[in-house]
């Protein structure tokens, strides 16, 4: 479980794909000293297990499903990745509950600057439209954000200057893919209503 508050903007060292397997290595000098093999780290919002932790480098194995559902397979060496360690019991919950289970990737439609703040408009696939609500929570590339507007096929979030520089959201280009995780409560509510509709 995570909170959507990015701890470090790491740097992709390499991504290696072989026959039926893939591995990802990230330079994470700020958080790596306390990380152990087997720990869970959210990388661009995707929960991954550390398989190597050495000299500031964290290595993760990637499932084929992970490559299909996230933007991790499209990363290039030098790409910035949002990193967050799993929530410790008793830790502060400054964002919202984020599972690290990416639902899909979405394209950035438009970026608009207002003073130091950034307005980001993302596409909203129809299959996930019911999970987003005005002033509700959403995680994009693992960053906990508040939904500012919801349209028929797009939604809007705003980020402050700190978020733009402390995460990779400020460097996104129009058309670039980002990882989307809808609010866990919204997904459970939708499922309960679906089941109730079948049995009621």
N, C-alpha and C. Protein backbone atom coordinates (compact mmCIF):
# COMPACT_ATOMS: atom_id res chain seq x y z
N UNK A 1 0.85 -1.20 0.00
CA UNK A 1 0.00 0.00 0.00
C UNK A 1 0.89 1.25 0.00
N UNK A 2 0.47 2.25 -0.77
CA UNK A 2 1.23 3.48 -0.89
C UNK A 2 0.30 4.67 -0.65
N UNK A 3 0.87 5.87 -0.68
CA UNK A 3 0.07 7.07 -0.43
C UNK A 3 0.00 8.00 -1.63
N UNK A 4 0.82 7.75 -2.63
CA UNK A 4 0.85 8.64 -3.79
C UNK A 4 1.69 9.88 -3.58
N UNK A 5 2.52 9.88 -2.52
CA UNK A 5 3.45 10.98 -2.28
C UNK A 5 4.85 10.52 -2.68
N UNK A 6 5.32 11.00 -3.80
CA UNK A 6 6.60 10.57 -4.35
C UNK A 6 7.74 11.00 -3.44
N UNK A 7 8.63 10.05 -3.15
CA UNK A 7 9.78 10.32 -2.27
C UNK A 7 11.02 10.73 -3.04
N UNK A 8 11.15 10.22 -4.26
CA UNK A 8 12.34 10.53 -5.05
C UNK A 8 12.03 10.40 -6.54
N UNK A 9 12.58 11.30 -7.30
CA UNK A 9 12.54 11.20 -8.75
C UNK A 9 13.82 10.47 -9.17
N UNK A 10 13.68 9.15 -9.37
CA UNK A 10 14.84 8.34 -9.73
C UNK A 10 15.14 8.43 -11.22
N UNK A 11 16.19 7.75 -11.62
CA UNK A 11 16.63 7.79 -13.02
C UNK A 11 16.78 6.36 -13.53
N UNK A 12 16.12 6.06 -14.65
CA UNK A 12 16.23 4.72 -15.22
C UNK A 12 17.66 4.48 -15.71
N UNK A 13 18.26 3.43 -15.19
CA UNK A 13 19.61 3.06 -15.61
C UNK A 13 19.55 2.17 -16.86
N UNK A 14 18.74 1.14 -16.79
CA UNK A 14 18.55 0.28 -17.96
C UNK A 14 17.26 -0.52 -17.86
N UNK A 15 16.77 -0.95 -19.02
CA UNK A 15 15.62 -1.84 -19.14
C UNK A 15 16.03 -2.94 -20.10
N UNK A 16 16.03 -4.18 -19.61
CA UNK A 16 16.47 -5.31 -20.42
C UNK A 16 15.31 -6.28 -20.61
N UNK A 17 15.03 -6.60 -21.86
CA UNK A 17 13.96 -7.53 -22.17
C UNK A 17 14.54 -8.72 -22.91
N UNK A 18 14.22 -9.92 -22.39
CA UNK A 18 14.68 -11.14 -23.03
C UNK A 18 13.50 -12.02 -23.37
N UNK A 19 13.77 -13.29 -23.61
CA UNK A 19 12.72 -14.24 -23.95
C UNK A 19 11.86 -14.52 -22.73
N UNK A 20 10.70 -13.88 -22.69
CA UNK A 20 9.75 -14.13 -21.61
C UNK A 20 10.11 -13.49 -20.29
N UNK A 21 11.05 -12.55 -20.29
CA UNK A 21 11.41 -11.88 -19.04
C UNK A 21 11.88 -10.46 -19.31
N UNK A 22 11.81 -9.64 -18.26
CA UNK A 22 12.27 -8.26 -18.36
C UNK A 22 12.74 -7.80 -16.99
N UNK A 23 13.75 -6.94 -16.98
CA UNK A 23 14.28 -6.38 -15.73
C UNK A 23 14.50 -4.89 -15.92
N UNK A 24 14.34 -4.18 -14.81
CA UNK A 24 14.43 -2.72 -14.81
C UNK A 24 15.36 -2.31 -13.68
N UNK A 25 16.28 -1.37 -13.96
CA UNK A 25 17.19 -0.87 -12.94
C UNK A 25 17.06 0.64 -12.84
N UNK A 26 16.99 1.12 -11.60
CA UNK A 26 16.78 2.54 -11.35
C UNK A 26 17.83 3.06 -10.36
N UNK A 27 18.40 4.21 -10.67
CA UNK A 27 19.28 4.89 -9.72
C UNK A 27 18.39 5.64 -8.73
N UNK A 28 18.53 5.30 -7.44
CA UNK A 28 17.69 5.91 -6.41
C UNK A 28 18.53 6.20 -5.17
N UNK A 29 19.45 7.17 -5.27
CA UNK A 29 20.37 7.41 -4.16
C UNK A 29 19.71 7.85 -2.86
N UNK A 30 18.54 8.51 -2.94
CA UNK A 30 17.91 9.03 -1.72
C UNK A 30 17.23 7.94 -0.91
N UNK A 31 16.50 7.04 -1.56
CA UNK A 31 15.74 6.04 -0.79
C UNK A 31 16.44 4.69 -0.67
N UNK A 32 17.41 4.41 -1.53
CA UNK A 32 18.00 3.07 -1.58
C UNK A 32 18.75 2.65 -0.31
N UNK A 33 19.37 3.56 0.48
CA UNK A 33 20.09 3.09 1.66
C UNK A 33 19.27 2.24 2.63
N UNK A 34 17.97 2.50 2.74
CA UNK A 34 17.14 1.73 3.66
C UNK A 34 16.36 0.61 3.01
N UNK A 35 16.57 0.40 1.72
CA UNK A 35 15.80 -0.59 0.98
C UNK A 35 16.50 -1.95 1.01
N UNK A 36 15.69 -3.01 1.20
CA UNK A 36 16.21 -4.36 1.21
C UNK A 36 15.58 -5.19 0.10
N UNK A 37 16.24 -6.28 -0.26
CA UNK A 37 15.68 -7.20 -1.25
C UNK A 37 14.34 -7.72 -0.73
N UNK A 38 13.34 -7.69 -1.59
CA UNK A 38 11.99 -8.12 -1.21
C UNK A 38 11.06 -6.98 -0.86
N UNK A 39 11.62 -5.78 -0.69
CA UNK A 39 10.78 -4.61 -0.39
C UNK A 39 9.94 -4.23 -1.61
N UNK A 40 8.78 -3.62 -1.33
CA UNK A 40 7.91 -3.12 -2.39
C UNK A 40 8.17 -1.64 -2.62
N UNK A 41 8.36 -1.29 -3.89
CA UNK A 41 8.56 0.11 -4.30
C UNK A 41 7.59 0.42 -5.43
N UNK A 42 6.92 1.56 -5.35
CA UNK A 42 6.08 2.00 -6.46
C UNK A 42 6.97 2.75 -7.44
N UNK A 43 7.04 2.25 -8.67
CA UNK A 43 7.82 2.86 -9.74
C UNK A 43 6.83 3.38 -10.78
N UNK A 44 6.73 4.70 -10.88
CA UNK A 44 5.68 5.32 -11.71
C UNK A 44 4.30 4.80 -11.32
N UNK A 45 4.13 4.50 -10.04
CA UNK A 45 2.85 4.06 -9.53
C UNK A 45 2.61 2.57 -9.61
N UNK A 46 3.56 1.82 -10.15
CA UNK A 46 3.43 0.37 -10.27
C UNK A 46 4.21 -0.32 -9.16
N UNK A 47 3.53 -1.13 -8.36
CA UNK A 47 4.18 -1.83 -7.25
C UNK A 47 5.12 -2.92 -7.78
N UNK A 48 6.40 -2.78 -7.49
CA UNK A 48 7.41 -3.74 -7.92
C UNK A 48 8.21 -4.23 -6.71
N UNK A 49 8.78 -5.42 -6.84
CA UNK A 49 9.58 -6.02 -5.76
C UNK A 49 11.06 -5.87 -6.07
N UNK A 50 11.81 -5.38 -5.09
CA UNK A 50 13.26 -5.19 -5.25
C UNK A 50 13.95 -6.55 -5.27
N UNK A 51 14.75 -6.80 -6.33
CA UNK A 51 15.51 -8.05 -6.41
C UNK A 51 17.01 -7.83 -6.18
N UNK A 52 17.45 -6.59 -6.42
CA UNK A 52 18.84 -6.21 -6.15
C UNK A 52 18.82 -4.79 -5.59
N UNK A 53 19.59 -4.57 -4.52
CA UNK A 53 19.75 -3.23 -3.96
C UNK A 53 21.22 -3.05 -3.62
N UNK A 54 21.91 -2.27 -4.46
CA UNK A 54 23.36 -2.15 -4.29
C UNK A 54 23.86 -0.81 -4.82
N UNK A 55 24.59 -0.09 -3.98
CA UNK A 55 25.25 1.16 -4.37
C UNK A 55 24.30 2.15 -5.04
N UNK A 56 23.11 2.30 -4.45
CA UNK A 56 22.15 3.26 -4.98
C UNK A 56 21.32 2.77 -6.14
N UNK A 57 21.57 1.54 -6.59
CA UNK A 57 20.85 0.97 -7.73
C UNK A 57 19.82 -0.04 -7.23
N UNK A 58 18.59 0.09 -7.71
CA UNK A 58 17.52 -0.85 -7.39
C UNK A 58 17.11 -1.56 -8.67
N UNK A 59 17.01 -2.89 -8.59
CA UNK A 59 16.65 -3.69 -9.76
C UNK A 59 15.34 -4.42 -9.47
N UNK A 60 14.48 -4.49 -10.49
CA UNK A 60 13.17 -5.12 -10.37
C UNK A 60 12.93 -6.05 -11.56
N UNK A 61 12.24 -7.16 -11.31
CA UNK A 61 11.76 -8.02 -12.39
C UNK A 61 10.38 -7.53 -12.80
N UNK A 62 10.08 -7.60 -14.10
CA UNK A 62 8.81 -7.14 -14.62
C UNK A 62 8.04 -8.30 -15.24
N UNK A 63 6.77 -8.43 -14.86
CA UNK A 63 5.89 -9.41 -15.49
C UNK A 63 5.45 -8.90 -16.86
N UNK A 64 5.07 -9.82 -17.73
CA UNK A 64 4.54 -9.43 -19.04
C UNK A 64 3.29 -8.57 -18.87
N UNK A 65 2.47 -8.91 -17.86
CA UNK A 65 1.26 -8.13 -17.58
C UNK A 65 1.61 -6.70 -17.21
N UNK A 66 2.70 -6.52 -16.46
CA UNK A 66 3.15 -5.18 -16.08
C UNK A 66 3.53 -4.37 -17.30
N UNK A 67 4.22 -5.00 -18.23
CA UNK A 67 4.63 -4.31 -19.46
C UNK A 67 3.42 -3.92 -20.30
N UNK A 68 2.36 -4.75 -20.27
CA UNK A 68 1.17 -4.47 -21.05
C UNK A 68 0.34 -3.34 -20.46
N UNK A 69 0.26 -3.29 -19.13
CA UNK A 69 -0.66 -2.37 -18.45
C UNK A 69 -0.05 -1.03 -18.08
N UNK A 70 1.28 -0.90 -18.15
CA UNK A 70 1.95 0.32 -17.67
C UNK A 70 2.82 0.93 -18.77
N UNK A 71 3.41 2.08 -18.43
CA UNK A 71 4.31 2.74 -19.37
C UNK A 71 5.77 2.37 -19.13
N UNK A 72 6.03 1.39 -18.25
CA UNK A 72 7.41 1.06 -17.91
C UNK A 72 8.19 0.51 -19.10
N UNK A 73 7.54 -0.24 -19.96
CA UNK A 73 8.23 -0.82 -21.11
C UNK A 73 8.66 0.20 -22.14
N UNK A 74 8.10 1.41 -22.08
CA UNK A 74 8.44 2.46 -23.05
C UNK A 74 9.54 3.38 -22.53
N UNK A 75 10.00 3.16 -21.31
CA UNK A 75 11.02 4.04 -20.74
C UNK A 75 12.37 3.85 -21.42
N UNK A 76 13.12 4.94 -21.46
CA UNK A 76 14.47 4.92 -22.02
C UNK A 76 15.48 5.24 -20.92
N UNK A 77 16.73 4.78 -21.06
CA UNK A 77 17.75 5.16 -20.08
C UNK A 77 17.80 6.68 -19.91
N UNK A 78 17.82 7.10 -18.66
CA UNK A 78 17.81 8.52 -18.35
C UNK A 78 16.44 9.06 -18.02
N UNK A 79 15.40 8.27 -18.29
CA UNK A 79 14.03 8.70 -17.98
C UNK A 79 13.86 8.87 -16.47
N UNK A 80 13.14 9.90 -16.08
CA UNK A 80 12.83 10.10 -14.67
C UNK A 80 11.66 9.22 -14.26
N UNK A 81 11.76 8.55 -13.12
CA UNK A 81 10.68 7.69 -12.64
C UNK A 81 10.33 8.08 -11.19
N UNK A 82 9.05 8.12 -10.92
CA UNK A 82 8.58 8.45 -9.57
C UNK A 82 8.72 7.23 -8.67
N UNK A 83 9.31 7.43 -7.50
CA UNK A 83 9.57 6.33 -6.57
C UNK A 83 8.94 6.62 -5.22
N UNK A 84 8.31 5.58 -4.66
CA UNK A 84 7.76 5.68 -3.31
C UNK A 84 7.87 4.33 -2.63
N UNK A 85 8.40 4.33 -1.40
CA UNK A 85 8.43 3.09 -0.61
C UNK A 85 7.03 2.82 -0.06
N UNK A 86 6.75 1.56 0.25
CA UNK A 86 5.43 1.20 0.77
C UNK A 86 5.19 1.88 2.11
N UNK A 87 3.92 2.10 2.41
CA UNK A 87 3.52 2.80 3.63
C UNK A 87 3.80 1.95 4.86
N UNK A 88 4.52 2.53 5.81
CA UNK A 88 4.79 1.83 7.07
C UNK A 88 3.62 2.01 8.02
N UNK A 89 3.36 1.00 8.83
CA UNK A 89 2.29 1.09 9.83
C UNK A 89 2.59 2.27 10.75
N UNK A 90 1.61 3.14 10.92
CA UNK A 90 1.81 4.32 11.76
C UNK A 90 2.35 5.52 11.00
N UNK A 91 2.66 5.32 9.69
CA UNK A 91 3.17 6.42 8.89
C UNK A 91 2.07 7.40 8.52
N UNK A 92 2.46 8.59 8.12
CA UNK A 92 1.49 9.61 7.74
C UNK A 92 0.90 9.30 6.37
N UNK A 93 -0.40 9.51 6.26
CA UNK A 93 -1.10 9.31 5.00
C UNK A 93 -1.47 10.68 4.44
N UNK A 94 -0.54 11.24 3.66
CA UNK A 94 -0.76 12.59 3.15
C UNK A 94 -1.51 12.63 1.84
N UNK A 95 -1.56 11.51 1.12
CA UNK A 95 -2.25 11.47 -0.16
C UNK A 95 -3.55 10.70 -0.01
N UNK A 96 -3.65 9.56 -0.72
CA UNK A 96 -4.79 8.65 -0.53
C UNK A 96 -4.26 7.23 -0.68
N UNK A 97 -5.06 6.23 -0.32
CA UNK A 97 -4.60 4.86 -0.43
C UNK A 97 -4.40 4.48 -1.89
N UNK A 98 -3.16 4.14 -2.23
CA UNK A 98 -2.79 3.75 -3.59
C UNK A 98 -2.22 2.34 -3.51
N UNK A 99 -2.77 1.43 -4.30
CA UNK A 99 -2.35 0.03 -4.23
C UNK A 99 -1.10 -0.27 -5.05
N UNK A 100 -0.81 0.57 -6.02
CA UNK A 100 0.30 0.25 -6.91
C UNK A 100 -0.12 -0.72 -8.00
N UNK A 101 -1.46 -0.84 -8.21
CA UNK A 101 -2.01 -1.70 -9.25
C UNK A 101 -2.53 -0.80 -10.38
N UNK A 102 -1.70 -0.58 -11.36
CA UNK A 102 -2.05 0.33 -12.46
C UNK A 102 -3.20 -0.25 -13.27
N UNK A 103 -4.20 0.56 -13.52
CA UNK A 103 -5.37 0.11 -14.29
C UNK A 103 -5.13 0.15 -15.78
N UNK A 104 -4.51 1.22 -16.25
CA UNK A 104 -4.26 1.37 -17.68
C UNK A 104 -3.32 2.54 -17.89
N UNK A 105 -2.91 2.75 -19.13
CA UNK A 105 -2.14 3.94 -19.47
C UNK A 105 -3.07 4.92 -20.18
N UNK A 106 -2.79 6.20 -19.99
CA UNK A 106 -3.59 7.26 -20.60
C UNK A 106 -2.66 8.29 -21.21
N UNK A 107 -3.12 8.95 -22.25
CA UNK A 107 -2.30 9.95 -22.93
C UNK A 107 -2.57 11.33 -22.37
N UNK A 108 -1.53 12.12 -22.24
CA UNK A 108 -1.68 13.53 -21.89
C UNK A 108 -2.18 14.26 -23.13
N UNK A 109 -3.33 14.92 -23.01
CA UNK A 109 -3.93 15.62 -24.16
C UNK A 109 -3.40 17.04 -24.30
N UNK A 110 -3.25 17.72 -23.15
CA UNK A 110 -2.86 19.12 -23.21
C UNK A 110 -2.26 19.57 -21.89
N UNK A 111 -1.27 20.44 -21.99
CA UNK A 111 -0.68 21.08 -20.81
C UNK A 111 -0.87 22.57 -20.93
N UNK A 112 -1.28 23.19 -19.84
CA UNK A 112 -1.51 24.63 -19.86
C UNK A 112 -0.94 25.23 -18.59
N UNK A 113 -0.09 26.24 -18.74
CA UNK A 113 0.55 26.86 -17.59
C UNK A 113 -0.25 28.07 -17.12
N UNK A 114 -0.46 28.14 -15.82
CA UNK A 114 -1.13 29.28 -15.20
C UNK A 114 -0.24 29.77 -14.06
N UNK A 115 0.55 30.80 -14.32
CA UNK A 115 1.53 31.22 -13.32
C UNK A 115 2.54 30.10 -13.15
N UNK A 116 2.73 29.65 -11.91
CA UNK A 116 3.63 28.52 -11.67
C UNK A 116 2.93 27.18 -11.71
N UNK A 117 1.61 27.19 -11.75
CA UNK A 117 0.84 25.95 -11.72
C UNK A 117 0.64 25.40 -13.13
N UNK A 118 0.42 24.08 -13.19
CA UNK A 118 0.19 23.42 -14.48
C UNK A 118 -1.17 22.73 -14.47
N UNK A 119 -1.91 22.95 -15.54
CA UNK A 119 -3.16 22.22 -15.77
C UNK A 119 -2.83 21.09 -16.74
N UNK A 120 -3.20 19.87 -16.37
CA UNK A 120 -2.94 18.71 -17.20
C UNK A 120 -4.27 18.05 -17.56
N UNK A 121 -4.53 17.94 -18.85
CA UNK A 121 -5.73 17.27 -19.34
C UNK A 121 -5.33 15.91 -19.90
N UNK A 122 -5.97 14.86 -19.38
CA UNK A 122 -5.68 13.49 -19.80
C UNK A 122 -6.90 12.88 -20.46
N UNK A 123 -6.65 11.94 -21.37
CA UNK A 123 -7.75 11.19 -21.95
C UNK A 123 -8.38 10.31 -20.87
N UNK A 124 -9.66 10.02 -21.02
CA UNK A 124 -10.36 9.17 -20.07
C UNK A 124 -11.06 8.05 -20.83
N UNK A 125 -10.45 6.86 -20.83
CA UNK A 125 -11.08 5.73 -21.52
C UNK A 125 -12.46 5.44 -20.94
N UNK A 126 -13.40 5.09 -21.78
CA UNK A 126 -14.78 4.87 -21.35
C UNK A 126 -14.88 3.81 -20.26
N UNK A 127 -14.02 2.80 -20.30
CA UNK A 127 -14.09 1.72 -19.32
C UNK A 127 -13.80 2.18 -17.90
N UNK A 128 -13.15 3.35 -17.76
CA UNK A 128 -12.77 3.83 -16.43
C UNK A 128 -13.47 5.14 -16.05
N UNK A 129 -14.36 5.61 -16.92
CA UNK A 129 -15.02 6.90 -16.68
C UNK A 129 -15.83 6.90 -15.39
N UNK A 130 -16.41 5.77 -15.03
CA UNK A 130 -17.24 5.70 -13.83
C UNK A 130 -16.46 5.75 -12.54
N UNK A 131 -15.15 5.63 -12.61
CA UNK A 131 -14.32 5.61 -11.40
C UNK A 131 -13.78 6.98 -11.01
N UNK A 132 -13.96 7.98 -11.88
CA UNK A 132 -13.45 9.31 -11.59
C UNK A 132 -14.59 10.27 -11.29
N UNK A 133 -14.40 11.10 -10.28
CA UNK A 133 -15.43 12.05 -9.88
C UNK A 133 -14.78 13.38 -9.53
N UNK A 134 -15.52 14.45 -9.74
CA UNK A 134 -15.05 15.80 -9.38
C UNK A 134 -14.64 15.83 -7.92
N UNK A 135 -13.42 16.30 -7.67
CA UNK A 135 -12.82 16.39 -6.34
C UNK A 135 -12.46 15.03 -5.75
N UNK A 136 -12.55 13.97 -6.58
CA UNK A 136 -12.14 12.65 -6.13
C UNK A 136 -10.64 12.49 -6.28
N UNK A 137 -10.13 11.35 -5.83
CA UNK A 137 -8.69 11.07 -5.89
C UNK A 137 -8.35 10.19 -7.08
N UNK A 138 -7.16 10.41 -7.60
CA UNK A 138 -6.64 9.60 -8.70
C UNK A 138 -5.12 9.58 -8.57
N UNK A 139 -4.49 8.51 -9.04
CA UNK A 139 -3.03 8.44 -9.05
C UNK A 139 -2.55 8.39 -10.50
N UNK A 140 -1.68 9.32 -10.85
CA UNK A 140 -1.09 9.36 -12.19
C UNK A 140 0.42 9.24 -12.05
N UNK A 141 0.98 8.20 -12.68
CA UNK A 141 2.41 7.88 -12.49
C UNK A 141 2.75 7.79 -11.01
N UNK A 142 1.76 7.33 -10.21
CA UNK A 142 1.99 7.13 -8.79
C UNK A 142 1.82 8.36 -7.94
N UNK A 143 1.42 9.48 -8.54
CA UNK A 143 1.26 10.73 -7.79
C UNK A 143 -0.22 10.90 -7.41
N UNK A 144 -0.48 11.08 -6.13
CA UNK A 144 -1.84 11.30 -5.65
C UNK A 144 -2.29 12.70 -6.04
N UNK A 145 -3.40 12.77 -6.80
CA UNK A 145 -3.91 14.05 -7.29
C UNK A 145 -5.42 14.13 -7.10
N UNK A 146 -5.92 15.35 -7.13
CA UNK A 146 -7.35 15.59 -7.03
C UNK A 146 -7.91 15.90 -8.41
N UNK A 147 -8.99 15.25 -8.75
CA UNK A 147 -9.64 15.48 -10.04
C UNK A 147 -10.32 16.84 -10.02
N UNK A 148 -9.93 17.71 -10.93
CA UNK A 148 -10.50 19.06 -10.98
C UNK A 148 -11.70 19.16 -11.90
N UNK A 149 -11.69 18.40 -12.98
CA UNK A 149 -12.81 18.39 -13.94
C UNK A 149 -12.91 17.00 -14.55
N UNK A 150 -14.14 16.61 -14.88
CA UNK A 150 -14.36 15.34 -15.58
C UNK A 150 -15.28 15.60 -16.77
N UNK A 151 -14.78 15.29 -17.96
CA UNK A 151 -15.58 15.42 -19.17
C UNK A 151 -16.01 14.06 -19.67
N UNK A 152 -16.56 14.01 -20.86
CA UNK A 152 -17.02 12.74 -21.43
C UNK A 152 -15.86 11.82 -21.78
N UNK A 153 -14.78 12.40 -22.27
CA UNK A 153 -13.65 11.55 -22.68
C UNK A 153 -12.31 12.08 -22.19
N UNK A 154 -12.34 12.97 -21.19
CA UNK A 154 -11.09 13.50 -20.63
C UNK A 154 -11.33 13.98 -19.21
N UNK A 155 -10.24 14.16 -18.47
CA UNK A 155 -10.32 14.73 -17.13
C UNK A 155 -9.12 15.62 -16.88
N UNK A 156 -9.24 16.46 -15.87
CA UNK A 156 -8.22 17.47 -15.60
C UNK A 156 -7.72 17.37 -14.17
N UNK A 157 -6.40 17.54 -14.02
CA UNK A 157 -5.79 17.71 -12.70
C UNK A 157 -4.88 18.94 -12.77
N UNK A 158 -4.59 19.50 -11.62
CA UNK A 158 -3.65 20.62 -11.51
C UNK A 158 -2.49 20.19 -10.63
N UNK A 159 -1.29 20.68 -10.97
CA UNK A 159 -0.14 20.42 -10.11
C UNK A 159 0.56 21.74 -9.80
N UNK A 160 1.09 21.80 -8.58
CA UNK A 160 1.82 22.97 -8.12
C UNK A 160 3.27 22.87 -8.58
N UNK A 161 4.06 23.96 -8.51
CA UNK A 161 5.45 23.91 -8.96
C UNK A 161 6.28 22.82 -8.29
N UNK A 162 6.07 22.58 -6.99
CA UNK A 162 6.82 21.52 -6.31
C UNK A 162 6.58 20.17 -6.95
N UNK A 163 5.32 19.84 -7.23
CA UNK A 163 4.99 18.56 -7.85
C UNK A 163 5.58 18.46 -9.25
N UNK A 164 5.60 19.57 -9.96
CA UNK A 164 6.15 19.58 -11.32
C UNK A 164 7.63 19.26 -11.34
N UNK A 165 8.36 19.67 -10.30
CA UNK A 165 9.81 19.44 -10.27
C UNK A 165 10.21 18.20 -9.48
N UNK A 166 9.40 17.81 -8.49
CA UNK A 166 9.73 16.66 -7.63
C UNK A 166 9.25 15.34 -8.22
N UNK A 167 8.44 15.40 -9.28
CA UNK A 167 7.96 14.20 -9.96
C UNK A 167 8.20 14.35 -11.46
N UNK A 168 7.83 13.32 -12.21
CA UNK A 168 8.02 13.42 -13.66
C UNK A 168 6.81 14.00 -14.39
N UNK A 169 5.80 14.42 -13.65
CA UNK A 169 4.61 14.96 -14.30
C UNK A 169 4.88 16.29 -15.01
N UNK A 170 5.77 17.09 -14.45
CA UNK A 170 6.08 18.37 -15.07
C UNK A 170 6.82 18.25 -16.39
N UNK A 171 7.39 17.07 -16.64
CA UNK A 171 8.16 16.85 -17.87
C UNK A 171 7.38 16.10 -18.93
N UNK A 172 6.12 15.74 -18.64
CA UNK A 172 5.31 15.03 -19.62
C UNK A 172 5.04 15.89 -20.85
N UNK A 173 5.05 15.28 -22.01
CA UNK A 173 4.74 15.96 -23.26
C UNK A 173 3.37 15.52 -23.77
N UNK A 174 2.71 16.38 -24.51
CA UNK A 174 1.42 16.02 -25.09
C UNK A 174 1.54 14.72 -25.90
N UNK A 175 0.61 13.81 -25.65
CA UNK A 175 0.62 12.52 -26.32
C UNK A 175 1.36 11.43 -25.57
N UNK A 176 2.15 11.82 -24.58
CA UNK A 176 2.92 10.85 -23.81
C UNK A 176 1.99 10.06 -22.88
N UNK A 177 2.34 8.78 -22.69
CA UNK A 177 1.52 7.90 -21.87
C UNK A 177 1.91 7.98 -20.39
N UNK A 178 0.89 7.97 -19.53
CA UNK A 178 1.10 7.97 -18.09
C UNK A 178 0.29 6.83 -17.49
N UNK A 179 0.70 6.35 -16.33
CA UNK A 179 -0.01 5.27 -15.65
C UNK A 179 -1.16 5.83 -14.83
N UNK A 180 -2.31 5.18 -14.95
CA UNK A 180 -3.50 5.59 -14.21
C UNK A 180 -3.91 4.51 -13.23
N UNK A 181 -4.09 4.90 -11.97
CA UNK A 181 -4.73 4.03 -10.98
C UNK A 181 -5.93 4.77 -10.42
N UNK A 182 -7.10 4.22 -10.65
CA UNK A 182 -8.32 4.82 -10.12
C UNK A 182 -8.42 4.56 -8.62
N UNK A 183 -9.20 5.38 -7.95
CA UNK A 183 -9.37 5.26 -6.51
C UNK A 183 -9.93 3.89 -6.15
N UNK A 184 -9.30 3.24 -5.17
CA UNK A 184 -9.71 1.92 -4.74
C UNK A 184 -11.16 1.89 -4.27
N UNK A 185 -11.60 2.91 -3.55
CA UNK A 185 -12.97 2.94 -3.04
C UNK A 185 -13.97 3.02 -4.19
N UNK A 186 -13.63 3.76 -5.23
CA UNK A 186 -14.51 3.86 -6.39
C UNK A 186 -14.66 2.51 -7.08
N UNK A 187 -13.57 1.76 -7.16
CA UNK A 187 -13.63 0.45 -7.82
C UNK A 187 -14.46 -0.55 -7.02
N UNK A 188 -14.30 -0.54 -5.71
CA UNK A 188 -15.09 -1.45 -4.88
C UNK A 188 -16.57 -1.07 -4.90
N UNK A 189 -16.86 0.22 -4.89
CA UNK A 189 -18.25 0.67 -4.94
C UNK A 189 -18.91 0.25 -6.24
N UNK A 190 -18.19 0.42 -7.36
CA UNK A 190 -18.72 0.03 -8.66
C UNK A 190 -18.97 -1.47 -8.70
N UNK A 191 -18.09 -2.24 -8.12
CA UNK A 191 -18.25 -3.70 -8.12
C UNK A 191 -19.44 -4.11 -7.26
N UNK A 192 -19.60 -3.49 -6.10
CA UNK A 192 -20.74 -3.80 -5.23
C UNK A 192 -22.06 -3.49 -5.93
N UNK A 193 -22.12 -2.37 -6.63
CA UNK A 193 -23.34 -1.99 -7.35
C UNK A 193 -23.61 -2.98 -8.49
N UNK A 194 -22.55 -3.43 -9.12
CA UNK A 194 -22.70 -4.39 -10.21
C UNK A 194 -23.28 -5.70 -9.69
N UNK A 195 -22.73 -6.20 -8.57
CA UNK A 195 -23.21 -7.45 -7.98
C UNK A 195 -24.64 -7.28 -7.47
N UNK A 196 -24.92 -6.15 -6.83
CA UNK A 196 -26.25 -5.89 -6.30
C UNK A 196 -27.28 -5.85 -7.43
N UNK A 197 -26.88 -5.32 -8.58
CA UNK A 197 -27.78 -5.27 -9.72
C UNK A 197 -28.13 -6.63 -10.25
N UNK A 198 -27.19 -7.59 -10.14
CA UNK A 198 -27.44 -8.95 -10.62
C UNK A 198 -28.35 -9.72 -9.66
N UNK A 199 -28.16 -9.47 -8.35
CA UNK A 199 -28.89 -10.25 -7.36
C UNK A 199 -30.17 -9.57 -6.89
N UNK A 200 -30.28 -8.25 -7.16
CA UNK A 200 -31.45 -7.51 -6.70
C UNK A 200 -32.51 -7.56 -7.73
